[in-house]
Amino acid sequence: MSAQLGTVTALWRYPVKAMLGERLRAADLTAHGLAGDRRLALLDPESGEFVTAIQARLYQTVLRCAAALDEAGGTRITLPDGGGTHSTAPDVDAVLSGHVGRPVTLAPTPVPASLFEGAPVHLLTTATLKRLAAENPRGLAEPERYRPNLLIDTGGDGFVENHWIGREVRVGDEAVLRVAAGTPRCAIPTFVHGALPRDPEALRVIRRANAVPARPGRDPEPIAGVYAEVVRAGRIAEGDPVRA
């Protein structure tokens, strides 16, 4: 008999990697993650590399933009000044290059667009956020800083998803995920996220409270949340039970 671990309390997808995403009431889970998630990214044509957190200053500039899919399947991009562009606009690269201050190209990401060694879905629990908030002098741990696809209300307090690694979880009636690894954290949670201010403690609290191996055999790292592989696709929505 399966045990209920929690309930999906929020869903997000991020149509452009490194930009702010959009909250959804429901989404299709595909073999490559949430439909439309991280399907585009900004490419540096000089290096041939996509923008990543390694390029901290550039990443922070991109993170001030927000992306959302439209009904036609294109991507609307909103800039911090309220202006915007669209993935199909002929001047999209020029607009985005002007914002970041260097030439960039909006380009498709490789499929599957893996987050971590082939695990494209990021799960985070309310228990982890509660613990991080308790450790943070601000008394806050906003989920948007940690960029999950699924926020799962488990009740309680603590890093409960650490114990899900290696297990399969069912989300709703159809979807099945295999939790592959903990989510190692870098400086990204400390950056400005839309209206959320910079918070250096957002990473320090994880280092203090949950420095563990992301999976067996790795060195300890600051971990908050888990990455999962898709075993079976399906429709998922807010309010869906999550069972082991």
Protein backbone atom coordinates (compact mmCIF):
# COMPACT_ATOMS: atom_id res chain seq x y z
CA MET A 1 0.00 0.00 0.00
CA SER A 2 1.39 3.40 -1.01
CA ALA A 3 2.07 6.12 1.53
CA GLN A 4 1.16 9.75 0.92
CA LEU A 5 4.19 12.00 1.17
CA GLY A 6 2.42 15.29 0.58
CA THR A 7 0.40 17.39 -1.84
CA VAL A 8 1.45 19.51 -4.82
CA THR A 9 0.89 23.07 -3.65
CA ALA A 10 2.50 24.97 -6.55
CA LEU A 11 3.86 24.36 -10.07
CA TRP A 12 6.34 26.46 -12.04
CA ARG A 13 7.93 26.23 -15.45
CA TYR A 14 10.75 28.34 -16.82
CA PRO A 15 10.42 28.65 -20.62
CA VAL A 16 13.80 30.40 -20.87
CA LYS A 17 16.60 28.99 -18.76
CA ALA A 18 17.90 31.48 -16.17
CA MET A 19 14.83 33.75 -16.47
CA LEU A 20 11.96 34.02 -14.03
CA GLY A 21 9.21 31.55 -14.83
CA GLU A 22 5.46 31.27 -14.61
CA ARG A 23 3.26 29.63 -12.03
CA LEU A 24 0.73 27.13 -13.38
CA ARG A 25 -2.39 25.46 -12.05
CA ALA A 26 -1.71 22.31 -14.10
CA ALA A 27 0.85 21.04 -16.61
CA ASP A 28 1.73 18.06 -18.76
CA LEU A 29 4.72 16.10 -17.53
CA THR A 30 6.67 14.70 -20.49
CA ALA A 31 9.70 12.45 -20.70
CA HIS A 32 11.82 15.63 -20.71
CA GLY A 33 10.13 17.36 -17.77
CA LEU A 34 7.26 19.85 -17.65
CA ALA A 35 6.08 20.70 -21.16
CA GLY A 36 7.80 23.92 -22.25
CA ASP A 37 10.22 24.02 -19.34
CA ARG A 38 13.68 25.44 -20.13
CA ARG A 39 13.23 24.84 -23.84
CA LEU A 40 15.05 28.08 -24.69
CA ALA A 41 18.20 29.73 -23.35
CA LEU A 42 20.49 32.63 -24.14
CA LEU A 43 23.52 31.59 -26.15
CA ASP A 44 26.79 33.51 -26.14
CA PRO A 45 27.77 33.33 -29.85
CA GLU A 46 31.43 34.00 -29.08
CA SER A 47 31.91 31.06 -26.74
CA GLY A 48 29.10 28.87 -28.07
CA GLU A 49 27.95 28.34 -24.47
CA PHE A 50 24.56 28.91 -22.91
CA VAL A 51 24.29 31.43 -20.07
CA THR A 52 24.84 29.61 -16.76
CA ALA A 53 25.39 30.50 -13.13
CA ILE A 54 29.14 30.30 -13.74
CA GLN A 55 28.75 33.68 -15.47
CA ALA A 56 27.30 35.24 -12.33
CA ARG A 57 27.02 38.86 -13.50
CA LEU A 58 25.40 37.89 -16.81
CA TYR A 59 23.12 35.34 -15.11
CA GLN A 60 21.87 37.96 -12.64
CA THR A 61 21.02 40.30 -15.51
CA VAL A 62 19.07 37.56 -17.31
CA LEU A 63 17.32 36.56 -14.07
CA ARG A 64 15.62 39.96 -13.96
CA CYS A 65 13.65 38.97 -17.08
CA ALA A 66 10.51 36.81 -16.98
CA ALA A 67 9.31 34.32 -19.59
CA ALA A 68 5.90 32.77 -20.20
CA LEU A 69 4.41 30.65 -22.97
CA ASP A 70 1.51 32.04 -25.01
CA GLU A 71 -1.43 30.16 -26.49
CA ALA A 72 0.35 29.73 -29.82
CA GLY A 73 3.32 28.06 -28.16
CA GLY A 74 5.67 31.03 -28.45
CA THR A 75 7.43 32.68 -25.53
CA ARG A 76 6.74 36.16 -24.21
CA ILE A 77 9.69 37.80 -22.46
CA THR A 78 9.19 40.72 -20.07
CA LEU A 79 12.14 42.97 -19.26
CA PRO A 80 12.68 44.62 -15.86
CA ASP A 81 11.68 48.05 -17.19
CA GLY A 82 8.29 46.70 -18.26
CA GLY A 83 9.22 46.40 -21.92
CA GLY A 84 9.29 43.09 -23.67
CA THR A 85 9.79 40.96 -26.72
CA HIS A 86 8.69 37.62 -28.13
CA SER A 87 10.59 34.54 -29.23
CA THR A 88 9.25 35.01 -32.78
CA ALA A 89 10.04 38.73 -33.02
CA PRO A 90 12.65 39.53 -35.69
CA ASP A 91 14.55 41.78 -33.27
CA VAL A 92 14.40 39.46 -30.25
CA ASP A 93 18.17 38.92 -30.19
CA ALA A 94 18.84 42.64 -30.51
CA VAL A 95 16.43 43.46 -27.66
CA LEU A 96 17.92 40.85 -25.34
CA SER A 97 21.49 41.80 -26.29
CA GLY A 98 20.68 45.42 -25.44
CA HIS A 99 19.37 44.36 -22.04
CA VAL A 100 22.35 42.20 -21.06
CA GLY A 101 24.94 44.52 -22.61
CA ARG A 102 26.58 41.98 -24.89
CA PRO A 103 25.61 39.93 -27.97
CA VAL A 104 23.37 36.97 -27.15
CA THR A 105 21.05 34.76 -29.16
CA LEU A 106 17.81 33.16 -27.99
CA ALA A 107 18.24 29.50 -28.95
CA PRO A 108 16.66 26.10 -28.29
CA THR A 109 18.26 24.04 -25.56
CA PRO A 110 19.36 20.47 -26.25
CA VAL A 111 16.64 17.85 -25.72
CA PRO A 112 16.33 16.53 -23.13
CA ALA A 113 17.10 19.76 -21.30
CA SER A 114 18.60 18.10 -18.24
CA LEU A 115 18.87 19.94 -14.96
CA PHE A 116 21.16 17.42 -13.34
CA GLU A 117 22.64 14.35 -14.99
CA GLY A 118 19.46 13.45 -16.87
CA ALA A 119 16.98 14.36 -14.12
CA PRO A 120 14.85 17.22 -15.53
CA VAL A 121 12.31 17.79 -12.73
CA HIS A 122 13.08 19.74 -9.58
CA LEU A 123 11.06 19.05 -6.41
CA LEU A 124 11.11 21.09 -3.21
CA THR A 125 9.10 20.65 -0.02
CA THR A 126 7.48 23.09 2.37
CA ALA A 127 9.32 21.32 5.19
CA THR A 128 12.67 22.32 3.69
CA LEU A 129 11.51 25.92 3.25
CA LYS A 130 10.30 26.03 6.84
CA ARG A 131 13.68 24.86 8.10
CA LEU A 132 15.55 27.34 5.91
CA ALA A 133 13.32 30.19 7.08
CA ALA A 134 14.00 29.25 10.70
CA GLU A 135 17.74 29.37 10.02
CA ASN A 136 17.63 32.66 8.08
CA PRO A 137 17.95 35.95 10.02
CA ARG A 138 15.26 37.39 7.71
CA GLY A 139 12.90 34.63 8.80
CA LEU A 140 12.04 33.93 5.17
CA ALA A 141 12.78 31.28 2.54
CA GLU A 142 10.82 32.09 -0.59
CA PRO A 143 10.31 29.15 -2.97
CA GLU A 144 10.97 31.35 -6.02
CA ARG A 145 14.62 31.69 -4.95
CA TYR A 146 15.11 27.95 -5.31
CA ARG A 147 13.30 27.65 -8.68
CA PRO A 148 11.44 24.34 -8.22
CA ASN A 149 9.06 22.82 -10.73
CA LEU A 150 6.92 21.30 -7.98
CA LEU A 151 6.51 22.61 -4.45
CA ILE A 152 5.16 19.80 -2.27
CA ASP A 153 3.39 20.49 1.00
CA THR A 154 4.56 17.76 3.36
CA GLY A 155 3.85 19.53 6.62
CA GLY A 156 6.51 19.35 9.30
CA ASP A 157 9.98 20.83 9.36
CA GLY A 158 13.21 19.47 7.92
CA PHE A 159 14.87 18.19 4.79
CA VAL A 160 12.42 15.35 4.26
CA GLU A 161 13.11 14.95 0.53
CA ASN A 162 16.66 13.81 1.34
CA HIS A 163 15.02 10.48 2.18
CA TRP A 164 13.31 10.22 -1.21
CA ILE A 165 16.54 9.77 -3.16
CA GLY A 166 16.48 6.44 -4.99
CA ARG A 167 12.71 6.06 -4.61
CA GLU A 168 9.83 6.39 -7.06
CA VAL A 169 7.01 8.81 -6.30
CA ARG A 170 3.62 9.05 -7.99
CA VAL A 171 2.15 12.49 -8.64
CA GLY A 172 -1.60 12.47 -9.17
CA ASP A 173 -3.19 9.59 -11.05
CA GLU A 174 -0.68 9.13 -13.86
CA ALA A 175 2.78 10.61 -13.46
CA VAL A 176 5.65 8.72 -11.84
CA LEU A 177 9.05 10.18 -10.98
CA ARG A 178 12.25 8.55 -9.77
CA VAL A 179 14.14 10.79 -7.37
CA ALA A 180 17.73 10.68 -8.56
CA ALA A 181 19.72 13.14 -6.42
CA GLY A 182 19.64 16.03 -4.03
CA THR A 183 19.80 19.51 -5.54
CA PRO A 184 23.26 21.06 -5.04
CA ARG A 185 23.07 24.81 -4.48
CA CYS A 186 25.30 27.58 -5.77
CA ALA A 187 24.88 31.35 -5.51
CA ILE A 188 21.64 31.55 -7.54
CA PRO A 189 19.26 31.68 -4.53
CA THR A 190 21.14 34.73 -3.22
CA PHE A 191 20.47 36.81 -6.36
CA VAL A 192 17.65 39.30 -6.88
CA HIS A 193 14.62 37.36 -8.17
CA GLY A 194 12.10 39.81 -9.57
CA ALA A 195 10.71 41.67 -6.55
CA LEU A 196 12.73 39.56 -4.11
CA PRO A 197 15.87 41.33 -2.84
CA ARG A 198 19.36 39.90 -2.73
CA ASP A 199 19.80 37.53 0.22
CA PRO A 200 23.33 36.18 0.90
CA GLU A 201 21.90 34.02 3.70
CA ALA A 202 19.83 32.00 1.22
CA LEU A 203 22.90 29.86 0.49
CA ARG A 204 24.66 30.14 3.85
CA VAL A 205 21.72 28.61 5.70
CA ILE A 206 21.80 25.55 3.46
CA ARG A 207 25.53 25.12 4.01
CA ARG A 208 24.99 25.24 7.76
CA ALA A 209 21.88 23.08 7.94
CA ASN A 210 22.08 20.51 5.13
CA ALA A 211 25.55 19.85 3.73
CA VAL A 212 25.17 16.24 2.54
CA PRO A 213 26.07 14.20 -0.57
CA ALA A 214 23.69 14.81 -3.48
CA ARG A 215 23.82 11.06 -4.05
CA PRO A 216 25.89 8.25 -2.54
CA GLY A 217 29.58 8.54 -3.35
CA ARG A 218 29.65 12.32 -3.79
CA ASP A 219 31.22 14.78 -1.38
CA PRO A 220 28.90 16.79 0.90
CA GLU A 221 27.33 19.84 -0.74
CA PRO A 222 24.66 22.36 0.30
CA ILE A 223 21.45 20.54 -0.70
CA ALA A 224 17.88 21.89 -0.84
CA GLY A 225 15.33 19.92 -2.84
CA VAL A 226 15.78 16.96 -5.17
CA TYR A 227 16.03 16.21 -8.89
CA ALA A 228 13.89 13.50 -10.45
CA GLU A 229 13.72 11.48 -13.67
CA VAL A 230 10.42 10.88 -15.45
CA VAL A 231 9.35 7.23 -15.30
CA ARG A 232 5.84 7.81 -16.63
CA ALA A 233 4.42 10.98 -18.16
CA GLY A 234 1.02 12.40 -17.26
CA ARG A 235 -1.01 15.42 -16.31
CA ILE A 236 -0.22 16.98 -12.93
CA ALA A 237 -1.94 19.79 -11.06
CA GLU A 238 -2.07 21.73 -7.82
CA GLY A 239 -3.73 19.63 -5.17
CA ASP A 240 -2.46 16.32 -6.55
CA PRO A 241 -1.31 13.83 -3.92
CA VAL A 242 2.32 12.74 -3.97
CA ARG A 243 2.75 9.10 -2.95
CA ALA A 244 5.66 6.72 -2.52
